[in-house]
């Protein structure tokens, strides 16, 4: 295997780890068996260009050809941008990517299930908000529940419930009412001595 291929595979493994996706999550997202992801990451499978592009995009990356003499500048920009990503942003990205992989899996297993479109919509909208730790934990719990869903009619109530919970979370964040301002001082109750 060529050095550049080793570097590329390392970048794919690192990107998958940074987004918090397991090989199984990634396989659900792009529609290939988990064993194939494992073979790709270990260098045991010959990676086609179309597969590379699909993998990269699933990991929020792009495949780009760069003139060789510009490569050091591009690598420096990528390094600086990667180090600027905060731990909070990485966690947010990880939770949202895992949730999206779970929804992609549901779309494949339960194609016309009521609530799936609402689930997709709520996740897309939540990705646009600043999410605190309690919101990320709520998304993580919902994701864990839908990742364990079996195929069949018993899954429909769970899908609808997850969709409703994500929409409610989105609405709470989107329509949050700021706290009422507190006065800088308060008058004590006066005693009547007169």
C-alpha atoms as a PDB file:
ATOM      1  CA  UNK A   1       0.000   0.000   0.000  1.00  0.00           C
ATOM      2  CA  UNK A   2       1.365   3.409  -0.947  1.00  0.00           C
ATOM      3  CA  UNK A   3       2.198   6.012   1.711  1.00  0.00           C
ATOM      4  CA  UNK A   4      -0.469   8.374   0.424  1.00  0.00           C
ATOM      5  CA  UNK A   5      -3.081   5.621   0.728  1.00  0.00           C
ATOM      6  CA  UNK A   6      -2.036   4.969   4.342  1.00  0.00           C
ATOM      7  CA  UNK A   7      -2.393   8.670   5.047  1.00  0.00           C
ATOM      8  CA  UNK A   8      -5.812   8.776   3.405  1.00  0.00           C
ATOM      9  CA  UNK A   9      -7.056   5.780   5.399  1.00  0.00           C
ATOM     10  CA  UNK A  10      -5.703   7.336   8.604  1.00  0.00           C
ATOM     11  CA  UNK A  11      -7.614  10.538   7.783  1.00  0.00           C
ATOM     12  CA  UNK A  12     -10.834   8.555   7.231  1.00  0.00           C
ATOM     13  CA  UNK A  13     -10.421   6.686  10.549  1.00  0.00           C
ATOM     14  CA  UNK A  14      -9.614   9.919  12.380  1.00  0.00           C
ATOM     15  CA  UNK A  15     -12.592  11.736  10.822  1.00  0.00           C
ATOM     16  CA  UNK A  16     -14.914   8.906  11.801  1.00  0.00           C
ATOM     17  CA  UNK A  17     -13.582   8.985  15.351  1.00  0.00           C
ATOM     18  CA  UNK A  18     -13.854  12.780  15.560  1.00  0.00           C
ATOM     19  CA  UNK A  19     -17.497  12.702  14.519  1.00  0.00           C
ATOM     20  CA  UNK A  20     -18.274  10.006  17.082  1.00  0.00           C
ATOM     21  CA  UNK A  21     -19.544   7.520  14.522  1.00  0.00           C
ATOM     22  CA  UNK A  22     -18.856   3.830  14.968  1.00  0.00           C
ATOM     23  CA  UNK A  23     -18.143   1.727  11.897  1.00  0.00           C
ATOM     24  CA  UNK A  24     -21.712   0.452  12.211  1.00  0.00           C
ATOM     25  CA  UNK A  25     -23.103   4.023  12.318  1.00  0.00           C
ATOM     26  CA  UNK A  26     -21.077   4.986   9.246  1.00  0.00           C
ATOM     27  CA  UNK A  27     -22.154   1.849   7.403  1.00  0.00           C
ATOM     28  CA  UNK A  28     -25.811   2.689   8.148  1.00  0.00           C
ATOM     29  CA  UNK A  29     -25.302   6.221   6.888  1.00  0.00           C
ATOM     30  CA  UNK A  30     -23.818   5.249   3.518  1.00  0.00           C
ATOM     31  CA  UNK A  31     -25.551   1.897   3.040  1.00  0.00           C
ATOM     32  CA  UNK A  32     -22.665  -0.576   3.028  1.00  0.00           C
ATOM     33  CA  UNK A  33     -21.975  -3.447   5.443  1.00  0.00           C
ATOM     34  CA  UNK A  34     -19.930  -2.644   8.553  1.00  0.00           C
ATOM     35  CA  UNK A  35     -17.402  -5.305   7.520  1.00  0.00           C
ATOM     36  CA  UNK A  36     -16.698  -3.334   4.330  1.00  0.00           C
ATOM     37  CA  UNK A  37     -15.992  -0.173   6.364  1.00  0.00           C
ATOM     38  CA  UNK A  38     -13.595  -2.225   8.483  1.00  0.00           C
ATOM     39  CA  UNK A  39     -11.815  -3.549   5.382  1.00  0.00           C
ATOM     40  CA  UNK A  40     -11.539  -0.055   3.908  1.00  0.00           C
ATOM     41  CA  UNK A  41     -10.098   1.406   7.122  1.00  0.00           C
ATOM     42  CA  UNK A  42      -7.585  -1.413   7.482  1.00  0.00           C
ATOM     43  CA  UNK A  43      -6.514  -1.203   3.845  1.00  0.00           C
ATOM     44  CA  UNK A  44      -7.972  -4.623   3.034  1.00  0.00           C
ATOM     45  CA  UNK A  45     -10.331  -3.331   0.346  1.00  0.00           C
ATOM     46  CA  UNK A  46      -9.513  -1.412  -2.794  1.00  0.00           C
ATOM     47  CA  UNK A  47     -11.346   1.871  -2.398  1.00  0.00           C
ATOM     48  CA  UNK A  48     -13.163   3.136  -5.495  1.00  0.00           C
ATOM     49  CA  UNK A  49     -13.313   6.885  -6.071  1.00  0.00           C
ATOM     50  CA  UNK A  50     -17.106   6.967  -5.766  1.00  0.00           C
ATOM     51  CA  UNK A  51     -16.892   5.131  -2.432  1.00  0.00           C
ATOM     52  CA  UNK A  52     -14.195   7.501  -1.207  1.00  0.00           C
ATOM     53  CA  UNK A  53     -16.307  10.546  -2.081  1.00  0.00           C
ATOM     54  CA  UNK A  54     -19.364   9.037  -0.360  1.00  0.00           C
ATOM     55  CA  UNK A  55     -17.353   8.141   2.757  1.00  0.00           C
ATOM     56  CA  UNK A  56     -15.760  11.579   2.910  1.00  0.00           C
ATOM     57  CA  UNK A  57     -19.081  13.380   2.608  1.00  0.00           C
ATOM     58  CA  UNK A  58     -20.680  11.168   5.257  1.00  0.00           C
ATOM     59  CA  UNK A  59     -17.842  12.283   7.553  1.00  0.00           C
ATOM     60  CA  UNK A  60     -18.343  15.966   6.627  1.00  0.00           C
ATOM     61  CA  UNK A  61     -15.182  16.041   4.471  1.00  0.00           C
ATOM     62  CA  UNK A  62     -14.555  16.663   0.777  1.00  0.00           C
ATOM     63  CA  UNK A  63     -12.158  15.020  -1.650  1.00  0.00           C
ATOM     64  CA  UNK A  64     -10.235  17.708  -3.541  1.00  0.00           C
ATOM     65  CA  UNK A  65      -7.374  17.618  -6.028  1.00  0.00           C
ATOM     66  CA  UNK A  66      -4.814  20.295  -5.196  1.00  0.00           C
ATOM     67  CA  UNK A  67      -1.814  21.377  -7.266  1.00  0.00           C
ATOM     68  CA  UNK A  68       1.264  19.879  -5.605  1.00  0.00           C
ATOM     69  CA  UNK A  69       3.018  23.190  -5.023  1.00  0.00           C
ATOM     70  CA  UNK A  70      -0.070  24.502  -3.150  1.00  0.00           C
ATOM     71  CA  UNK A  71      -0.342  21.422  -0.953  1.00  0.00           C
ATOM     72  CA  UNK A  72       1.712  22.820   1.992  1.00  0.00           C
ATOM     73  CA  UNK A  73      -0.505  25.909   2.145  1.00  0.00           C
ATOM     74  CA  UNK A  74      -3.707  23.844   1.988  1.00  0.00           C
ATOM     75  CA  UNK A  75      -2.419  21.459   4.682  1.00  0.00           C
ATOM     76  CA  UNK A  76      -1.550  24.413   6.940  1.00  0.00           C
ATOM     77  CA  UNK A  77      -5.040  25.875   6.527  1.00  0.00           C
ATOM     78  CA  UNK A  78      -6.665  22.516   7.305  1.00  0.00           C
ATOM     79  CA  UNK A  79      -4.432  22.010  10.360  1.00  0.00           C
ATOM     80  CA  UNK A  80      -5.259  25.466  11.746  1.00  0.00           C
ATOM     81  CA  UNK A  81      -8.985  25.071  11.116  1.00  0.00           C
ATOM     82  CA  UNK A  82      -9.037  21.622  12.743  1.00  0.00           C
ATOM     83  CA  UNK A  83      -7.262  22.791  15.876  1.00  0.00           C
ATOM     84  CA  UNK A  84      -9.642  25.755  16.173  1.00  0.00           C
ATOM     85  CA  UNK A  85     -12.645  23.448  16.536  1.00  0.00           C
ATOM     86  CA  UNK A  86     -13.514  23.484  20.243  1.00  0.00           C
ATOM     87  CA  UNK A  87     -14.249  20.426  22.328  1.00  0.00           C
ATOM     88  CA  UNK A  88     -17.870  21.593  22.609  1.00  0.00           C
ATOM     89  CA  UNK A  89     -18.148  21.829  18.825  1.00  0.00           C
ATOM     90  CA  UNK A  90     -16.637  18.351  18.437  1.00  0.00           C
ATOM     91  CA  UNK A  91     -19.112  16.918  20.947  1.00  0.00           C
ATOM     92  CA  UNK A  92     -22.023  18.644  19.204  1.00  0.00           C
ATOM     93  CA  UNK A  93     -20.870  17.331  15.838  1.00  0.00           C
ATOM     94  CA  UNK A  94     -20.412  13.844  17.252  1.00  0.00           C
ATOM     95  CA  UNK A  95     -23.902  13.701  18.789  1.00  0.00           C
ATOM     96  CA  UNK A  96     -25.616  15.123  15.690  1.00  0.00           C
ATOM     97  CA  UNK A  97     -23.720  12.825  13.294  1.00  0.00           C
ATOM     98  CA  UNK A  98     -24.627   9.771  15.345  1.00  0.00           C
ATOM     99  CA  UNK A  99     -28.266  10.878  15.417  1.00  0.00           C
ATOM    100  CA  UNK A 100     -28.259  11.398  11.651  1.00  0.00           C
ATOM    101  CA  UNK A 101     -26.765   7.920  11.132  1.00  0.00           C
ATOM    102  CA  UNK A 102     -29.556   6.448  13.281  1.00  0.00           C
ATOM    103  CA  UNK A 103     -32.214   8.270  11.265  1.00  0.00           C
ATOM    104  CA  UNK A 104     -30.609   7.138   8.002  1.00  0.00           C
ATOM    105  CA  UNK A 105     -30.796   3.548   9.289  1.00  0.00           C
ATOM    106  CA  UNK A 106     -34.473   4.048  10.171  1.00  0.00           C
ATOM    107  CA  UNK A 107     -35.165   5.461   6.713  1.00  0.00           C
ATOM    108  CA  UNK A 108     -33.776   2.271   5.211  1.00  0.00           C
ATOM    109  CA  UNK A 109     -35.553  -0.133   7.571  1.00  0.00           C
ATOM    110  CA  UNK A 110     -38.922   1.651   7.864  1.00  0.00           C
ATOM    111  CA  UNK A 111     -39.170   3.638   4.642  1.00  0.00           C
ATOM    112  CA  UNK A 112     -42.708   4.976   4.903  1.00  0.00           C
ATOM    113  CA  UNK A 113     -43.120   5.033   8.670  1.00  0.00           C
ATOM    114  CA  UNK A 114     -45.179   7.938   9.993  1.00  0.00           C
ATOM    115  CA  UNK A 115     -42.957  10.330  11.923  1.00  0.00           C
ATOM    116  CA  UNK A 116     -39.772   9.744   9.912  1.00  0.00           C
ATOM    117  CA  UNK A 117     -40.038  12.975   7.964  1.00  0.00           C
ATOM    118  CA  UNK A 118     -40.616  14.889  11.192  1.00  0.00           C
ATOM    119  CA  UNK A 119     -37.575  13.181  12.693  1.00  0.00           C
ATOM    120  CA  UNK A 120     -35.427  14.171   9.706  1.00  0.00           C
ATOM    121  CA  UNK A 121     -36.740  17.739   9.760  1.00  0.00           C
ATOM    122  CA  UNK A 122     -36.195  18.185  13.512  1.00  0.00           C
ATOM    123  CA  UNK A 123     -32.600  16.935  13.269  1.00  0.00           C
ATOM    124  CA  UNK A 124     -31.830  19.255  10.349  1.00  0.00           C
ATOM    125  CA  UNK A 125     -33.221  22.197  12.296  1.00  0.00           C
ATOM    126  CA  UNK A 126     -31.458  21.270  15.550  1.00  0.00           C
ATOM    127  CA  UNK A 127     -28.150  21.301  13.666  1.00  0.00           C
ATOM    128  CA  UNK A 128     -28.610  25.068  13.233  1.00  0.00           C
ATOM    129  CA  UNK A 129     -28.863  25.836  16.964  1.00  0.00           C
ATOM    130  CA  UNK A 130     -26.328  26.256  19.722  1.00  0.00           C
ATOM    131  CA  UNK A 131     -26.971  23.187  21.836  1.00  0.00           C
ATOM    132  CA  UNK A 132     -26.164  22.944  25.509  1.00  0.00           C
ATOM    133  CA  UNK A 133     -25.184  19.811  27.369  1.00  0.00           C
ATOM    134  CA  UNK A 134     -28.780  19.031  28.408  1.00  0.00           C
ATOM    135  CA  UNK A 135     -29.994  19.282  24.785  1.00  0.00           C
ATOM    136  CA  UNK A 136     -27.117  17.100  23.547  1.00  0.00           C
ATOM    137  CA  UNK A 137     -27.886  14.538  26.253  1.00  0.00           C
ATOM    138  CA  UNK A 138     -31.564  14.479  25.202  1.00  0.00           C
ATOM    139  CA  UNK A 139     -30.549  13.897  21.559  1.00  0.00           C
ATOM    140  CA  UNK A 140     -28.122  11.176  22.662  1.00  0.00           C
ATOM    141  CA  UNK A 141     -30.859   9.357  24.647  1.00  0.00           C
ATOM    142  CA  UNK A 142     -33.293   9.533  21.721  1.00  0.00           C
ATOM    143  CA  UNK A 143     -30.566   8.295  19.363  1.00  0.00           C
ATOM    144  CA  UNK A 144     -29.749   5.345  21.633  1.00  0.00           C
ATOM    145  CA  UNK A 145     -33.425   4.365  21.659  1.00  0.00           C
ATOM    146  CA  UNK A 146     -33.863   4.492  17.882  1.00  0.00           C
ATOM    147  CA  UNK A 147     -30.552   2.698  17.227  1.00  0.00           C
ATOM    148  CA  UNK A 148     -31.917  -0.345  19.083  1.00  0.00           C
ATOM    149  CA  UNK A 149     -35.231  -0.480  17.239  1.00  0.00           C
ATOM    150  CA  UNK A 150     -36.148  -3.814  15.681  1.00  0.00           C
ATOM    151  CA  UNK A 151     -37.788  -3.974  12.302  1.00  0.00           C
ATOM    152  CA  UNK A 152     -41.552  -4.285  12.240  1.00  0.00           C
ATOM    153  CA  UNK A 153     -44.735  -2.596  13.410  1.00  0.00           C
ATOM    154  CA  UNK A 154     -43.545  -2.386  17.046  1.00  0.00           C
ATOM    155  CA  UNK A 155     -41.048   0.263  15.964  1.00  0.00           C
ATOM    156  CA  UNK A 156     -43.679   2.759  14.781  1.00  0.00           C
ATOM    157  CA  UNK A 157     -44.709   4.117  18.213  1.00  0.00           C
ATOM    158  CA  UNK A 158     -41.046   4.598  19.153  1.00  0.00           C
ATOM    159  CA  UNK A 159     -40.347   6.420  15.880  1.00  0.00           C
ATOM    160  CA  UNK A 160     -43.345   8.694  16.419  1.00  0.00           C
ATOM    161  CA  UNK A 161     -42.352   9.330  20.038  1.00  0.00           C
ATOM    162  CA  UNK A 162     -38.750  10.151  19.060  1.00  0.00           C
ATOM    163  CA  UNK A 163     -39.997  12.490  16.342  1.00  0.00           C
ATOM    164  CA  UNK A 164     -42.283  14.260  18.818  1.00  0.00           C
ATOM    165  CA  UNK A 165     -39.495  14.593  21.416  1.00  0.00           C
ATOM    166  CA  UNK A 166     -37.039  16.077  18.892  1.00  0.00           C
ATOM    167  CA  UNK A 167     -39.674  18.535  17.640  1.00  0.00           C
ATOM    168  CA  UNK A 168     -40.457  19.569  21.218  1.00  0.00           C
ATOM    169  CA  UNK A 169     -36.747  20.053  21.908  1.00  0.00           C
ATOM    170  CA  UNK A 170     -36.407  22.121  18.742  1.00  0.00           C
ATOM    171  CA  UNK A 171     -39.416  24.235  19.713  1.00  0.00           C
ATOM    172  CA  UNK A 172     -38.121  24.806  23.249  1.00  0.00           C
ATOM    173  CA  UNK A 173     -34.819  26.063  21.853  1.00  0.00           C
ATOM    174  CA  UNK A 174     -36.313  28.081  18.997  1.00  0.00           C
ATOM    175  CA  UNK A 175     -38.998  29.771  21.070  1.00  0.00           C
ATOM    176  CA  UNK A 176     -37.064  30.225  24.282  1.00  0.00           C
ATOM    177  CA  UNK A 177     -38.252  33.192  26.255  1.00  0.00           C
ATOM    178  CA  UNK A 178     -35.398  35.063  27.904  1.00  0.00           C
ATOM    179  CA  UNK A 179     -35.473  35.393  31.647  1.00  0.00           C
ATOM    180  CA  UNK A 180     -37.161  38.513  32.941  1.00  0.00           C
ATOM    181  CA  UNK A 181     -34.544  41.079  33.989  1.00  0.00           C
ATOM    182  CA  UNK A 182     -33.985  41.341  37.703  1.00  0.00           C
ATOM    183  CA  UNK A 183     -33.999  44.779  39.272  1.00  0.00           C
ATOM    184  CA  UNK A 184     -30.669  46.157  40.395  1.00  0.00           C
ATOM    185  CA  UNK A 185     -32.135  46.736  43.839  1.00  0.00           C
ATOM    186  CA  UNK A 186     -35.309  46.001  45.746  1.00  0.00           C
ATOM    187  CA  UNK A 187     -37.111  48.117  48.293  1.00  0.00           C
ATOM    188  CA  UNK A 188     -37.580  46.414  51.609  1.00  0.00           C
ATOM    189  CA  UNK A 189     -41.056  46.422  52.968  1.00  0.00           C
ATOM    190  CA  UNK A 190     -41.371  49.399  55.254  1.00  0.00           C
ATOM    191  CA  UNK A 191     -42.795  49.031  58.703  1.00  0.00           C
ATOM    192  CA  UNK A 192     -45.493  51.482  59.599  1.00  0.00           C
ATOM    193  CA  UNK A 193     -44.479  53.311  62.767  1.00  0.00           C
ATOM    194  CA  UNK A 194     -46.818  56.216  62.307  1.00  0.00           C
END
